């Protein structure tokens, strides 16, 4: 092992130093020519794909290409990201993720983005980018009203973290709680499957009792109990909500549920897609 360290350590360090130097130069040059700057940043990653600077260079190239709004530059970078992602290597997952972002935020090609995101998750399921892929994929499904696909994707995102026990400290995914809640929301507000939603909200309240969405989940659980005529269970949840510091909007919903037990409360804004702000219901 000592020989291995002696043989490869200096070379790796030299490559890292060179990559950092090229990254700095790429950042400082071509400020008035976004396409040239994108190409310079891409060359850093191409020359030193295993360096720590490589993903940073590609992230900055993608952001510049999107902000510049030049279709030709975006198309060029997309083709280069595709090449870097094949065959699978150290940059493959990052390239698939950035290419999907380029398709969504730049070229507006949502079908291509969905294909890239599905490939990212299936080929790199243990990558940190897998969560990004699943979350964004579900958002794209919501945008076109493909609720069954969105529901399945949120279930996968919530459950695969639970299966791995990654729910403690820094290992908890930032998407896990929201995915579990949105899965329940789709069951309640889109599918009208209130018994399934009750189970999902109860699971959310058990696993994510420190979530900022606790009050929202309790309101939705009470709503589902009322819709299934489980008045005693609903009253228990409403009593809990009476003791909590609710927002003005949440207090209005609570009053509506008490006044008209079978009221149809509005679709929560959290169900609105960031890609398309108006949710489509499949009824």
C-alpha atoms as a PDB file:
ATOM      1  CA  UNK A   1       0.000   0.000   0.000  1.00  0.00           C
ATOM      2  CA  UNK A   2       2.896   2.322   0.654  1.00  0.00           C
ATOM      3  CA  UNK A   3       4.118   1.831  -2.916  1.00  0.00           C
ATOM      4  CA  UNK A   4       0.643   2.526  -4.253  1.00  0.00           C
ATOM      5  CA  UNK A   5       0.407   5.730  -2.320  1.00  0.00           C
ATOM      6  CA  UNK A   6       3.861   6.762  -3.412  1.00  0.00           C
ATOM      7  CA  UNK A   7       3.143   5.940  -7.019  1.00  0.00           C
ATOM      8  CA  UNK A   8      -0.262   7.568  -7.395  1.00  0.00           C
ATOM      9  CA  UNK A   9      -0.464  10.218  -4.686  1.00  0.00           C
ATOM     10  CA  UNK A  10       1.793  12.870  -6.311  1.00  0.00           C
ATOM     11  CA  UNK A  11       0.109  12.399  -9.701  1.00  0.00           C
ATOM     12  CA  UNK A  12      -3.353  12.789  -8.224  1.00  0.00           C
ATOM     13  CA  UNK A  13      -2.276  15.881  -6.307  1.00  0.00           C
ATOM     14  CA  UNK A  14      -0.743  17.376  -9.452  1.00  0.00           C
ATOM     15  CA  UNK A  15      -3.929  16.695 -11.427  1.00  0.00           C
ATOM     16  CA  UNK A  16      -6.033  18.318  -8.716  1.00  0.00           C
ATOM     17  CA  UNK A  17      -3.789  21.391  -8.711  1.00  0.00           C
ATOM     18  CA  UNK A  18      -3.932  21.671 -12.497  1.00  0.00           C
ATOM     19  CA  UNK A  19      -7.703  21.196 -12.551  1.00  0.00           C
ATOM     20  CA  UNK A  20      -8.158  23.925  -9.935  1.00  0.00           C
ATOM     21  CA  UNK A  21      -5.915  26.254 -11.936  1.00  0.00           C
ATOM     22  CA  UNK A  22      -7.826  25.634 -15.168  1.00  0.00           C
ATOM     23  CA  UNK A  23     -11.128  26.085 -13.347  1.00  0.00           C
ATOM     24  CA  UNK A  24     -10.000  29.442 -11.989  1.00  0.00           C
ATOM     25  CA  UNK A  25      -8.867  30.555 -15.440  1.00  0.00           C
ATOM     26  CA  UNK A  26     -12.109  29.422 -17.042  1.00  0.00           C
ATOM     27  CA  UNK A  27     -14.072  31.406 -14.475  1.00  0.00           C
ATOM     28  CA  UNK A  28     -12.036  34.552 -15.071  1.00  0.00           C
ATOM     29  CA  UNK A  29     -12.009  34.537 -18.863  1.00  0.00           C
ATOM     30  CA  UNK A  30     -14.665  35.031 -21.547  1.00  0.00           C
ATOM     31  CA  UNK A  31     -16.965  36.946 -19.201  1.00  0.00           C
ATOM     32  CA  UNK A  32     -18.696  38.636 -22.144  1.00  0.00           C
ATOM     33  CA  UNK A  33     -18.961  35.441 -24.197  1.00  0.00           C
ATOM     34  CA  UNK A  34     -21.045  32.834 -22.375  1.00  0.00           C
ATOM     35  CA  UNK A  35     -20.588  30.160 -25.038  1.00  0.00           C
ATOM     36  CA  UNK A  36     -16.796  30.413 -24.828  1.00  0.00           C
ATOM     37  CA  UNK A  37     -16.952  30.293 -21.052  1.00  0.00           C
ATOM     38  CA  UNK A  38     -19.173  27.201 -21.167  1.00  0.00           C
ATOM     39  CA  UNK A  39     -16.701  25.469 -23.455  1.00  0.00           C
ATOM     40  CA  UNK A  40     -13.732  26.427 -21.280  1.00  0.00           C
ATOM     41  CA  UNK A  41     -15.439  24.999 -18.182  1.00  0.00           C
ATOM     42  CA  UNK A  42     -16.375  21.834 -20.040  1.00  0.00           C
ATOM     43  CA  UNK A  43     -12.743  21.342 -21.088  1.00  0.00           C
ATOM     44  CA  UNK A  44     -11.711  21.315 -17.413  1.00  0.00           C
ATOM     45  CA  UNK A  45     -14.013  18.371 -16.727  1.00  0.00           C
ATOM     46  CA  UNK A  46     -13.033  16.608 -19.915  1.00  0.00           C
ATOM     47  CA  UNK A  47      -9.312  16.892 -19.168  1.00  0.00           C
ATOM     48  CA  UNK A  48      -9.572  15.930 -15.473  1.00  0.00           C
ATOM     49  CA  UNK A  49     -12.812  13.938 -15.067  1.00  0.00           C
ATOM     50  CA  UNK A  50     -11.756  12.369 -11.763  1.00  0.00           C
ATOM     51  CA  UNK A  51     -10.797  15.647 -10.107  1.00  0.00           C
ATOM     52  CA  UNK A  52     -12.898  17.448  -7.518  1.00  0.00           C
ATOM     53  CA  UNK A  53     -13.066  20.412  -9.879  1.00  0.00           C
ATOM     54  CA  UNK A  54     -14.737  18.439 -12.679  1.00  0.00           C
ATOM     55  CA  UNK A  55     -18.327  18.395 -11.334  1.00  0.00           C
ATOM     56  CA  UNK A  56     -17.976  22.013 -10.192  1.00  0.00           C
ATOM     57  CA  UNK A  57     -16.921  23.036 -13.700  1.00  0.00           C
ATOM     58  CA  UNK A  58     -19.859  21.207 -15.271  1.00  0.00           C
ATOM     59  CA  UNK A  59     -22.330  22.688 -12.776  1.00  0.00           C
ATOM     60  CA  UNK A  60     -21.131  26.195 -13.574  1.00  0.00           C
ATOM     61  CA  UNK A  61     -21.144  25.514 -17.318  1.00  0.00           C
ATOM     62  CA  UNK A  62     -24.744  24.305 -17.101  1.00  0.00           C
ATOM     63  CA  UNK A  63     -25.876  27.314 -15.079  1.00  0.00           C
ATOM     64  CA  UNK A  64     -24.219  29.738 -17.510  1.00  0.00           C
ATOM     65  CA  UNK A  65     -25.746  27.968 -20.516  1.00  0.00           C
ATOM     66  CA  UNK A  66     -29.220  28.103 -18.965  1.00  0.00           C
ATOM     67  CA  UNK A  67     -28.943  31.753 -17.939  1.00  0.00           C
ATOM     68  CA  UNK A  68     -27.534  32.815 -21.320  1.00  0.00           C
ATOM     69  CA  UNK A  69     -30.571  31.393 -23.093  1.00  0.00           C
ATOM     70  CA  UNK A  70     -28.632  30.470 -26.238  1.00  0.00           C
ATOM     71  CA  UNK A  71     -30.210  27.369 -27.751  1.00  0.00           C
ATOM     72  CA  UNK A  72     -27.079  26.571 -29.737  1.00  0.00           C
ATOM     73  CA  UNK A  73     -24.867  26.647 -26.631  1.00  0.00           C
ATOM     74  CA  UNK A  74     -27.357  24.587 -24.635  1.00  0.00           C
ATOM     75  CA  UNK A  75     -27.620  21.979 -27.398  1.00  0.00           C
ATOM     76  CA  UNK A  76     -23.839  21.796 -27.665  1.00  0.00           C
ATOM     77  CA  UNK A  77     -23.392  21.303 -23.926  1.00  0.00           C
ATOM     78  CA  UNK A  78     -26.168  18.697 -23.836  1.00  0.00           C
ATOM     79  CA  UNK A  79     -24.337  16.630 -26.452  1.00  0.00           C
ATOM     80  CA  UNK A  80     -21.088  16.875 -24.502  1.00  0.00           C
ATOM     81  CA  UNK A  81     -22.759  15.887 -21.230  1.00  0.00           C
ATOM     82  CA  UNK A  82     -24.228  12.872 -23.005  1.00  0.00           C
ATOM     83  CA  UNK A  83     -20.770  11.768 -24.137  1.00  0.00           C
ATOM     84  CA  UNK A  84     -19.289  12.229 -20.664  1.00  0.00           C
ATOM     85  CA  UNK A  85     -22.048  10.087 -19.156  1.00  0.00           C
ATOM     86  CA  UNK A  86     -21.221   7.131 -21.417  1.00  0.00           C
ATOM     87  CA  UNK A  87     -19.881   4.710 -20.414  1.00  0.00           C
ATOM     88  CA  UNK A  88     -20.724   5.051 -16.712  1.00  0.00           C
ATOM     89  CA  UNK A  89     -17.837   6.634 -14.839  1.00  0.00           C
ATOM     90  CA  UNK A  90     -17.029   9.110 -12.094  1.00  0.00           C
ATOM     91  CA  UNK A  91     -18.994  11.888 -13.802  1.00  0.00           C
ATOM     92  CA  UNK A  92     -21.849   9.842 -15.229  1.00  0.00           C
ATOM     93  CA  UNK A  93     -24.479  10.554 -12.563  1.00  0.00           C
ATOM     94  CA  UNK A  94     -23.604  14.258 -12.445  1.00  0.00           C
ATOM     95  CA  UNK A  95     -23.755  14.544 -16.239  1.00  0.00           C
ATOM     96  CA  UNK A  96     -27.164  12.882 -16.387  1.00  0.00           C
ATOM     97  CA  UNK A  97     -28.463  15.201 -13.679  1.00  0.00           C
ATOM     98  CA  UNK A  98     -27.088  18.363 -15.289  1.00  0.00           C
ATOM     99  CA  UNK A  99     -28.321  17.295 -18.711  1.00  0.00           C
ATOM    100  CA  UNK A 100     -31.816  16.840 -17.281  1.00  0.00           C
ATOM    101  CA  UNK A 101     -31.675  20.313 -15.747  1.00  0.00           C
ATOM    102  CA  UNK A 102     -30.558  21.677 -19.102  1.00  0.00           C
ATOM    103  CA  UNK A 103     -33.552  20.042 -20.757  1.00  0.00           C
ATOM    104  CA  UNK A 104     -35.985  21.426 -18.177  1.00  0.00           C
ATOM    105  CA  UNK A 105     -34.656  24.923 -17.533  1.00  0.00           C
ATOM    106  CA  UNK A 106     -33.054  25.583 -20.905  1.00  0.00           C
ATOM    107  CA  UNK A 107     -34.410  23.655 -23.860  1.00  0.00           C
ATOM    108  CA  UNK A 108     -37.809  22.863 -22.346  1.00  0.00           C
ATOM    109  CA  UNK A 109     -37.664  19.249 -23.522  1.00  0.00           C
ATOM    110  CA  UNK A 110     -39.550  17.520 -20.686  1.00  0.00           C
ATOM    111  CA  UNK A 111     -39.774  14.054 -22.318  1.00  0.00           C
ATOM    112  CA  UNK A 112     -35.986  14.013 -22.737  1.00  0.00           C
ATOM    113  CA  UNK A 113     -35.577  15.177 -19.142  1.00  0.00           C
ATOM    114  CA  UNK A 114     -37.805  12.365 -17.856  1.00  0.00           C
ATOM    115  CA  UNK A 115     -35.777   9.814 -19.810  1.00  0.00           C
ATOM    116  CA  UNK A 116     -32.508  11.149 -18.382  1.00  0.00           C
ATOM    117  CA  UNK A 117     -33.846  11.183 -14.827  1.00  0.00           C
ATOM    118  CA  UNK A 118     -35.158   7.624 -15.074  1.00  0.00           C
ATOM    119  CA  UNK A 119     -31.801   6.505 -16.402  1.00  0.00           C
ATOM    120  CA  UNK A 120     -29.999   8.311 -13.580  1.00  0.00           C
ATOM    121  CA  UNK A 121     -32.047   6.574 -10.916  1.00  0.00           C
ATOM    122  CA  UNK A 122     -31.904   3.098 -12.465  1.00  0.00           C
ATOM    123  CA  UNK A 123     -28.172   3.192 -13.255  1.00  0.00           C
ATOM    124  CA  UNK A 124     -26.996   5.138 -10.189  1.00  0.00           C
ATOM    125  CA  UNK A 125     -29.485   4.263  -7.445  1.00  0.00           C
ATOM    126  CA  UNK A 126     -26.924   4.745  -4.650  1.00  0.00           C
ATOM    127  CA  UNK A 127     -25.695   8.090  -5.972  1.00  0.00           C
ATOM    128  CA  UNK A 128     -26.634  11.218  -3.993  1.00  0.00           C
ATOM    129  CA  UNK A 129     -28.111  12.462  -7.275  1.00  0.00           C
ATOM    130  CA  UNK A 130     -30.677   9.630  -7.270  1.00  0.00           C
ATOM    131  CA  UNK A 131     -32.808  11.602  -4.809  1.00  0.00           C
ATOM    132  CA  UNK A 132     -32.586  14.688  -7.014  1.00  0.00           C
ATOM    133  CA  UNK A 133     -33.645  12.575  -9.975  1.00  0.00           C
ATOM    134  CA  UNK A 134     -36.661  11.037  -8.251  1.00  0.00           C
ATOM    135  CA  UNK A 135     -37.837  14.340  -6.800  1.00  0.00           C
ATOM    136  CA  UNK A 136     -37.576  16.183 -10.126  1.00  0.00           C
ATOM    137  CA  UNK A 137     -39.096  13.282 -12.044  1.00  0.00           C
ATOM    138  CA  UNK A 138     -42.135  13.312  -9.752  1.00  0.00           C
ATOM    139  CA  UNK A 139     -42.434  17.074 -10.262  1.00  0.00           C
ATOM    140  CA  UNK A 140     -42.470  16.586 -14.031  1.00  0.00           C
ATOM    141  CA  UNK A 141     -45.160  13.932 -13.700  1.00  0.00           C
ATOM    142  CA  UNK A 142     -47.265  16.321 -11.612  1.00  0.00           C
ATOM    143  CA  UNK A 143     -46.893  19.008 -14.275  1.00  0.00           C
ATOM    144  CA  UNK A 144     -48.662  16.867 -16.878  1.00  0.00           C
ATOM    145  CA  UNK A 145     -51.182  15.335 -14.488  1.00  0.00           C
ATOM    146  CA  UNK A 146     -49.544  11.891 -14.521  1.00  0.00           C
ATOM    147  CA  UNK A 147     -50.526  11.351 -10.898  1.00  0.00           C
ATOM    148  CA  UNK A 148     -50.137   7.576 -10.840  1.00  0.00           C
ATOM    149  CA  UNK A 149     -46.510   7.930 -11.949  1.00  0.00           C
ATOM    150  CA  UNK A 150     -45.935  10.785  -9.489  1.00  0.00           C
ATOM    151  CA  UNK A 151     -47.423   8.728  -6.654  1.00  0.00           C
ATOM    152  CA  UNK A 152     -45.218   5.746  -7.471  1.00  0.00           C
ATOM    153  CA  UNK A 153     -42.122   7.945  -7.666  1.00  0.00           C
ATOM    154  CA  UNK A 154     -42.787   9.590  -4.295  1.00  0.00           C
ATOM    155  CA  UNK A 155     -43.348   6.158  -2.774  1.00  0.00           C
ATOM    156  CA  UNK A 156     -39.978   4.966  -4.083  1.00  0.00           C
ATOM    157  CA  UNK A 157     -38.221   8.115  -2.857  1.00  0.00           C
ATOM    158  CA  UNK A 158     -39.730   7.885   0.618  1.00  0.00           C
ATOM    159  CA  UNK A 159     -39.390   4.129   1.014  1.00  0.00           C
ATOM    160  CA  UNK A 160     -35.891   3.489  -0.298  1.00  0.00           C
ATOM    161  CA  UNK A 161     -34.479   5.825   2.343  1.00  0.00           C
ATOM    162  CA  UNK A 162     -36.510   4.101   5.031  1.00  0.00           C
ATOM    163  CA  UNK A 163     -35.283   0.715   3.797  1.00  0.00           C
ATOM    164  CA  UNK A 164     -31.677   1.841   4.188  1.00  0.00           C
ATOM    165  CA  UNK A 165     -32.303   3.355   7.606  1.00  0.00           C
ATOM    166  CA  UNK A 166     -31.026   6.751   6.433  1.00  0.00           C
ATOM    167  CA  UNK A 167     -33.208   8.751   8.769  1.00  0.00           C
ATOM    168  CA  UNK A 168     -30.744   9.884  11.408  1.00  0.00           C
ATOM    169  CA  UNK A 169     -28.839  13.147  11.448  1.00  0.00           C
ATOM    170  CA  UNK A 170     -27.073  14.240   8.279  1.00  0.00           C
ATOM    171  CA  UNK A 171     -27.915  10.995   6.492  1.00  0.00           C
ATOM    172  CA  UNK A 172     -31.591  11.912   6.252  1.00  0.00           C
ATOM    173  CA  UNK A 173     -32.491  12.903   2.715  1.00  0.00           C
ATOM    174  CA  UNK A 174     -33.955  16.419   2.456  1.00  0.00           C
ATOM    175  CA  UNK A 175     -36.643  14.985   0.165  1.00  0.00           C
ATOM    176  CA  UNK A 176     -37.794  12.003   2.228  1.00  0.00           C
ATOM    177  CA  UNK A 177     -40.368  13.732   4.438  1.00  0.00           C
ATOM    178  CA  UNK A 178     -41.818  15.815   1.624  1.00  0.00           C
ATOM    179  CA  UNK A 179     -42.058  12.777  -0.632  1.00  0.00           C
ATOM    180  CA  UNK A 180     -43.930  10.823   2.055  1.00  0.00           C
ATOM    181  CA  UNK A 181     -46.339  13.729   2.574  1.00  0.00           C
ATOM    182  CA  UNK A 182     -46.969  14.284  -1.136  1.00  0.00           C
ATOM    183  CA  UNK A 183     -47.653  10.579  -1.592  1.00  0.00           C
ATOM    184  CA  UNK A 184     -50.390  10.895   1.047  1.00  0.00           C
ATOM    185  CA  UNK A 185     -51.666  14.126  -0.520  1.00  0.00           C
ATOM    186  CA  UNK A 186     -52.114  12.482  -3.912  1.00  0.00           C
ATOM    187  CA  UNK A 187     -54.102   9.679  -2.300  1.00  0.00           C
ATOM    188  CA  UNK A 188     -56.337  12.160  -0.456  1.00  0.00           C
ATOM    189  CA  UNK A 189     -56.808  15.029  -2.884  1.00  0.00           C
ATOM    190  CA  UNK A 190     -56.306  13.440  -6.312  1.00  0.00           C
ATOM    191  CA  UNK A 191     -57.323   9.788  -5.998  1.00  0.00           C
ATOM    192  CA  UNK A 192     -59.970  10.292  -3.271  1.00  0.00           C
ATOM    193  CA  UNK A 193     -58.580   7.122  -1.689  1.00  0.00           C
ATOM    194  CA  UNK A 194     -59.145   8.269   1.872  1.00  0.00           C
ATOM    195  CA  UNK A 195     -58.420   4.950   3.653  1.00  0.00           C
ATOM    196  CA  UNK A 196     -55.009   4.745   1.938  1.00  0.00           C
ATOM    197  CA  UNK A 197     -54.355   8.402   2.733  1.00  0.00           C
ATOM    198  CA  UNK A 198     -55.152   7.836   6.416  1.00  0.00           C
ATOM    199  CA  UNK A 199     -52.499   5.135   6.574  1.00  0.00           C
ATOM    200  CA  UNK A 200     -49.967   7.313   4.769  1.00  0.00           C
ATOM    201  CA  UNK A 201     -50.570  10.390   6.929  1.00  0.00           C
ATOM    202  CA  UNK A 202     -50.324   8.307  10.099  1.00  0.00           C
ATOM    203  CA  UNK A 203     -47.030   6.851   8.842  1.00  0.00           C
ATOM    204  CA  UNK A 204     -45.774  10.368   8.085  1.00  0.00           C
ATOM    205  CA  UNK A 205     -46.682  11.582  11.575  1.00  0.00           C
ATOM    206  CA  UNK A 206     -44.832   8.621  13.092  1.00  0.00           C
ATOM    207  CA  UNK A 207     -41.635   8.861  11.065  1.00  0.00           C
ATOM    208  CA  UNK A 208     -41.408  12.646  10.678  1.00  0.00           C
ATOM    209  CA  UNK A 209     -42.747  14.097  13.916  1.00  0.00           C
ATOM    210  CA  UNK A 210     -40.161  16.894  13.716  1.00  0.00           C
ATOM    211  CA  UNK A 211     -41.282  17.998  10.249  1.00  0.00           C
ATOM    212  CA  UNK A 212     -42.397  21.539   9.494  1.00  0.00           C
ATOM    213  CA  UNK A 213     -45.412  19.959   7.787  1.00  0.00           C
ATOM    214  CA  UNK A 214     -46.808  18.304  10.929  1.00  0.00           C
ATOM    215  CA  UNK A 215     -49.759  20.691  11.179  1.00  0.00           C
ATOM    216  CA  UNK A 216     -50.600  20.276   7.502  1.00  0.00           C
ATOM    217  CA  UNK A 217     -50.479  16.502   7.848  1.00  0.00           C
ATOM    218  CA  UNK A 218     -52.766  16.602  10.901  1.00  0.00           C
ATOM    219  CA  UNK A 219     -55.294  18.782   9.063  1.00  0.00           C
ATOM    220  CA  UNK A 220     -55.287  16.422   6.100  1.00  0.00           C
ATOM    221  CA  UNK A 221     -55.613  13.398   8.386  1.00  0.00           C
ATOM    222  CA  UNK A 222     -58.640  14.965  10.080  1.00  0.00           C
ATOM    223  CA  UNK A 223     -60.123  15.704   6.658  1.00  0.00           C
ATOM    224  CA  UNK A 224     -59.669  12.071   5.587  1.00  0.00           C
ATOM    225  CA  UNK A 225     -61.243  10.760   8.798  1.00  0.00           C
ATOM    226  CA  UNK A 226     -64.260  13.003   8.227  1.00  0.00           C
ATOM    227  CA  UNK A 227     -64.587  11.840   4.638  1.00  0.00           C
ATOM    228  CA  UNK A 228     -64.635   8.216   5.815  1.00  0.00           C
ATOM    229  CA  UNK A 229     -67.129   9.075   8.599  1.00  0.00           C
ATOM    230  CA  UNK A 230     -64.695   8.201  11.388  1.00  0.00           C
ATOM    231  CA  UNK A 231     -65.909  11.081  13.532  1.00  0.00           C
ATOM    232  CA  UNK A 232     -64.282  10.019  16.804  1.00  0.00           C
ATOM    233  CA  UNK A 233     -60.864   9.663  15.184  1.00  0.00           C
ATOM    234  CA  UNK A 234     -61.360  13.012  13.427  1.00  0.00           C
ATOM    235  CA  UNK A 235     -62.311  14.699  16.703  1.00  0.00           C
ATOM    236  CA  UNK A 236     -59.153  13.400  18.384  1.00  0.00           C
ATOM    237  CA  UNK A 237     -57.021  14.960  15.623  1.00  0.00           C
ATOM    238  CA  UNK A 238     -58.975  18.226  15.672  1.00  0.00           C
ATOM    239  CA  UNK A 239     -58.461  18.393  19.440  1.00  0.00           C
ATOM    240  CA  UNK A 240     -54.711  18.060  18.896  1.00  0.00           C
ATOM    241  CA  UNK A 241     -54.840  20.885  16.358  1.00  0.00           C
ATOM    242  CA  UNK A 242     -56.662  23.141  18.838  1.00  0.00           C
ATOM    243  CA  UNK A 243     -53.534  23.048  21.007  1.00  0.00           C
ATOM    244  CA  UNK A 244     -51.086  23.872  18.211  1.00  0.00           C
ATOM    245  CA  UNK A 245     -49.916  27.259  16.954  1.00  0.00           C
ATOM    246  CA  UNK A 246     -51.481  27.251  13.509  1.00  0.00           C
ATOM    247  CA  UNK A 247     -51.040  29.758  10.723  1.00  0.00           C
ATOM    248  CA  UNK A 248     -53.964  31.906   9.589  1.00  0.00           C
ATOM    249  CA  UNK A 249     -54.574  29.630   6.611  1.00  0.00           C
ATOM    250  CA  UNK A 250     -54.443  26.492   8.751  1.00  0.00           C
ATOM    251  CA  UNK A 251     -56.831  28.008  11.305  1.00  0.00           C
ATOM    252  CA  UNK A 252     -59.317  28.780   8.518  1.00  0.00           C
ATOM    253  CA  UNK A 253     -59.178  25.154   7.349  1.00  0.00           C
ATOM    254  CA  UNK A 254     -59.651  23.916  10.921  1.00  0.00           C
ATOM    255  CA  UNK A 255     -62.742  26.108  11.346  1.00  0.00           C
ATOM    256  CA  UNK A 256     -64.124  24.876   8.022  1.00  0.00           C
ATOM    257  CA  UNK A 257     -63.670  21.241   9.049  1.00  0.00           C
ATOM    258  CA  UNK A 258     -65.471  21.834  12.346  1.00  0.00           C
ATOM    259  CA  UNK A 259     -68.297  23.782  10.724  1.00  0.00           C
ATOM    260  CA  UNK A 260     -68.897  21.522   7.692  1.00  0.00           C
ATOM    261  CA  UNK A 261     -67.468  18.033   8.415  1.00  0.00           C
ATOM    262  CA  UNK A 262     -67.858  16.874   4.794  1.00  0.00           C
ATOM    263  CA  UNK A 263     -66.360  20.051   3.327  1.00  0.00           C
ATOM    264  CA  UNK A 264     -64.104  19.713   0.282  1.00  0.00           C
ATOM    265  CA  UNK A 265     -61.003  21.645   1.312  1.00  0.00           C
ATOM    266  CA  UNK A 266     -58.746  23.145  -1.391  1.00  0.00           C
ATOM    267  CA  UNK A 267     -55.889  21.185  -2.910  1.00  0.00           C
ATOM    268  CA  UNK A 268     -52.783  22.081  -0.829  1.00  0.00           C
ATOM    269  CA  UNK A 269     -50.406  24.361  -2.667  1.00  0.00           C
ATOM    270  CA  UNK A 270     -47.581  21.944  -1.911  1.00  0.00           C
ATOM    271  CA  UNK A 271     -49.134  19.666  -4.562  1.00  0.00           C
ATOM    272  CA  UNK A 272     -48.613  22.316  -7.230  1.00  0.00           C
ATOM    273  CA  UNK A 273     -45.729  21.468  -9.549  1.00  0.00           C
ATOM    274  CA  UNK A 274     -42.816  23.891  -9.704  1.00  0.00           C
ATOM    275  CA  UNK A 275     -42.726  23.233 -13.455  1.00  0.00           C
ATOM    276  CA  UNK A 276     -46.452  23.870 -13.979  1.00  0.00           C
ATOM    277  CA  UNK A 277     -48.141  25.815 -11.152  1.00  0.00           C
ATOM    278  CA  UNK A 278     -51.664  24.506 -11.789  1.00  0.00           C
ATOM    279  CA  UNK A 279     -52.269  20.899 -10.687  1.00  0.00           C
ATOM    280  CA  UNK A 280     -54.300  18.715 -13.009  1.00  0.00           C
ATOM    281  CA  UNK A 281     -56.709  16.270 -11.396  1.00  0.00           C
ATOM    282  CA  UNK A 282     -57.406  12.870 -12.884  1.00  0.00           C
ATOM    283  CA  UNK A 283     -61.032  12.053 -12.074  1.00  0.00           C
END
